[in-house]
Amino acid sequence: MARLSDGEIDERLQGGEWRREGDAIVRDFELDGFTAAMELANAVADAANAANHHPDILVHDYKHVRLTISTHSEGGITDNDFSLASTIDALHAG
């Protein structure tokens, strides 16, 4: 899978909760507490395993989760990253 251009990345990020940080897309969540943060982290882990695409997951300050997604094998951001981000958005909304 090929890396996306800067223009393609910017276009896909418009109007959403994800942002670019270097060669990755990042989203921060504030949840109702530690249990909710861990439930989201575990749901993301399950979805990532199913997709064989694994983000960095940081649970911090007891109710915050930061997700960082990049396609390391391509050295940047690809369609796979946005696909996983969409799955994560659906998990959070669900």
C-alpha atoms as a PDB file:
ATOM      1  CA  MET A   1       0.000   0.000   0.000  1.00  0.00           C
ATOM      2  CA  ALA A   2       1.453   3.359  -1.011  1.00  0.00           C
ATOM      3  CA  ARG A   3       1.835   6.378   1.211  1.00  0.00           C
ATOM      4  CA  LEU A   4      -0.703   9.133   0.723  1.00  0.00           C
ATOM      5  CA  SER A   5       0.323  12.602  -0.422  1.00  0.00           C
ATOM      6  CA  ASP A   6       0.145  15.550   1.966  1.00  0.00           C
ATOM      7  CA  GLY A   7      -2.881  16.853   0.057  1.00  0.00           C
ATOM      8  CA  GLU A   8      -4.711  13.531   0.318  1.00  0.00           C
ATOM      9  CA  ILE A   9      -4.006  13.356   4.041  1.00  0.00           C
ATOM     10  CA  ASP A  10      -5.147  16.931   4.660  1.00  0.00           C
ATOM     11  CA  GLU A  11      -8.355  16.312   2.700  1.00  0.00           C
ATOM     12  CA  ARG A  12      -9.209  13.183   4.675  1.00  0.00           C
ATOM     13  CA  LEU A  13      -8.558  14.891   7.996  1.00  0.00           C
ATOM     14  CA  GLN A  14     -10.876  17.842   7.318  1.00  0.00           C
ATOM     15  CA  GLY A  15     -13.851  18.076   9.649  1.00  0.00           C
ATOM     16  CA  GLY A  16     -12.856  15.100  11.774  1.00  0.00           C
ATOM     17  CA  GLU A  17     -11.364  14.403  15.172  1.00  0.00           C
ATOM     18  CA  TRP A  18      -8.101  12.998  13.820  1.00  0.00           C
ATOM     19  CA  ARG A  19      -5.048  15.193  13.251  1.00  0.00           C
ATOM     20  CA  ARG A  20      -1.654  14.705  11.721  1.00  0.00           C
ATOM     21  CA  GLU A  21       1.498  14.484  13.796  1.00  0.00           C
ATOM     22  CA  GLY A  22       4.462  13.848  11.524  1.00  0.00           C
ATOM     23  CA  ASP A  23       4.003  10.559   9.689  1.00  0.00           C
ATOM     24  CA  ALA A  24       0.989   9.472  11.749  1.00  0.00           C
ATOM     25  CA  ILE A  25      -2.616  10.369  12.460  1.00  0.00           C
ATOM     26  CA  VAL A  26      -3.613  10.896  16.092  1.00  0.00           C
ATOM     27  CA  ARG A  27      -6.839  11.175  18.050  1.00  0.00           C
ATOM     28  CA  ASP A  28      -7.361  11.871  21.751  1.00  0.00           C
ATOM     29  CA  PHE A  29     -10.381  10.660  23.686  1.00  0.00           C
ATOM     30  CA  GLU A  30     -11.634  11.764  27.093  1.00  0.00           C
ATOM     31  CA  LEU A  31     -13.886   9.130  28.587  1.00  0.00           C
ATOM     32  CA  ASP A  32     -15.988   8.810  31.741  1.00  0.00           C
ATOM     33  CA  GLY A  33     -13.289   7.088  33.771  1.00  0.00           C
ATOM     34  CA  PHE A  34     -10.588   4.448  33.842  1.00  0.00           C
ATOM     35  CA  THR A  35     -12.915   1.537  33.076  1.00  0.00           C
ATOM     36  CA  ALA A  36     -14.302   3.287  29.993  1.00  0.00           C
ATOM     37  CA  ALA A  37     -10.779   4.170  28.841  1.00  0.00           C
ATOM     38  CA  MET A  38      -9.667   0.548  29.167  1.00  0.00           C
ATOM     39  CA  GLU A  39     -12.805  -0.703  27.410  1.00  0.00           C
ATOM     40  CA  LEU A  40     -12.041   1.562  24.440  1.00  0.00           C
ATOM     41  CA  ALA A  41      -8.374   0.538  24.433  1.00  0.00           C
ATOM     42  CA  ASN A  42      -9.320  -3.157  24.460  1.00  0.00           C
ATOM     43  CA  ALA A  43     -11.951  -2.699  21.727  1.00  0.00           C
ATOM     44  CA  VAL A  44      -9.364  -0.903  19.580  1.00  0.00           C
ATOM     45  CA  ALA A  45      -6.861  -3.691  20.227  1.00  0.00           C
ATOM     46  CA  ASP A  46      -9.380  -6.308  19.084  1.00  0.00           C
ATOM     47  CA  ALA A  47     -10.259  -4.348  15.929  1.00  0.00           C
ATOM     48  CA  ALA A  48      -6.587  -3.704  15.182  1.00  0.00           C
ATOM     49  CA  ASN A  49      -5.751  -7.389  15.513  1.00  0.00           C
ATOM     50  CA  ALA A  50      -8.611  -8.280  13.171  1.00  0.00           C
ATOM     51  CA  ALA A  51      -7.264  -5.755  10.636  1.00  0.00           C
ATOM     52  CA  ASN A  52      -3.631  -6.782  11.241  1.00  0.00           C
ATOM     53  CA  HIS A  53      -2.828  -3.093  11.696  1.00  0.00           C
ATOM     54  CA  HIS A  54      -1.680  -2.047  15.138  1.00  0.00           C
ATOM     55  CA  PRO A  55      -1.798   1.529  16.479  1.00  0.00           C
ATOM     56  CA  ASP A  56       0.048   2.896  19.469  1.00  0.00           C
ATOM     57  CA  ILE A  57      -2.412   3.049  22.372  1.00  0.00           C
ATOM     58  CA  LEU A  58      -1.710   5.285  25.363  1.00  0.00           C
ATOM     59  CA  VAL A  59      -4.050   5.314  28.367  1.00  0.00           C
ATOM     60  CA  HIS A  60      -3.155   8.222  30.627  1.00  0.00           C
ATOM     61  CA  ASP A  61      -4.548  10.460  33.355  1.00  0.00           C
ATOM     62  CA  TYR A  62      -6.996   7.616  34.175  1.00  0.00           C
ATOM     63  CA  LYS A  63      -9.647   8.562  31.609  1.00  0.00           C
ATOM     64  CA  HIS A  64      -7.757   9.657  28.505  1.00  0.00           C
ATOM     65  CA  VAL A  65      -6.768   7.544  25.508  1.00  0.00           C
ATOM     66  CA  ARG A  66      -4.450   8.660  22.718  1.00  0.00           C
ATOM     67  CA  LEU A  67      -4.306   6.603  19.528  1.00  0.00           C
ATOM     68  CA  THR A  68      -1.511   7.016  17.007  1.00  0.00           C
ATOM     69  CA  ILE A  69      -1.768   5.248  13.650  1.00  0.00           C
ATOM     70  CA  SER A  70       0.880   4.927  10.956  1.00  0.00           C
ATOM     71  CA  THR A  71       1.904   2.303   8.429  1.00  0.00           C
ATOM     72  CA  HIS A  72       5.456   1.673   9.594  1.00  0.00           C
ATOM     73  CA  SER A  73       6.281  -0.590   6.649  1.00  0.00           C
ATOM     74  CA  GLU A  74       5.491   2.306   4.281  1.00  0.00           C
ATOM     75  CA  GLY A  75       7.093   4.993   6.438  1.00  0.00           C
ATOM     76  CA  GLY A  76       3.978   7.122   6.645  1.00  0.00           C
ATOM     77  CA  ILE A  77       0.224   7.410   6.315  1.00  0.00           C
ATOM     78  CA  THR A  78      -1.756   5.116   4.004  1.00  0.00           C
ATOM     79  CA  ASP A  79      -5.343   4.144   3.253  1.00  0.00           C
ATOM     80  CA  ASN A  80      -5.018   1.427   5.910  1.00  0.00           C
ATOM     81  CA  ASP A  81      -4.540   4.071   8.581  1.00  0.00           C
ATOM     82  CA  PHE A  82      -7.711   5.906   7.640  1.00  0.00           C
ATOM     83  CA  SER A  83      -9.608   2.622   7.419  1.00  0.00           C
ATOM     84  CA  LEU A  84      -8.600   1.731  10.978  1.00  0.00           C
ATOM     85  CA  ALA A  85      -9.394   5.273  12.137  1.00  0.00           C
ATOM     86  CA  SER A  86     -12.891   4.902  10.696  1.00  0.00           C
ATOM     87  CA  THR A  87     -13.345   1.603  12.530  1.00  0.00           C
ATOM     88  CA  ILE A  88     -12.203   3.238  15.766  1.00  0.00           C
ATOM     89  CA  ASP A  89     -14.612   6.141  15.267  1.00  0.00           C
ATOM     90  CA  ALA A  90     -17.461   3.631  14.888  1.00  0.00           C
ATOM     91  CA  LEU A  91     -16.384   1.790  18.055  1.00  0.00           C
ATOM     92  CA  HIS A  92     -16.363   5.026  20.015  1.00  0.00           C
ATOM     93  CA  ALA A  93     -19.735   6.146  18.647  1.00  0.00           C
ATOM     94  CA  GLY A  94     -21.309   2.720  19.230  1.00  0.00           C
END
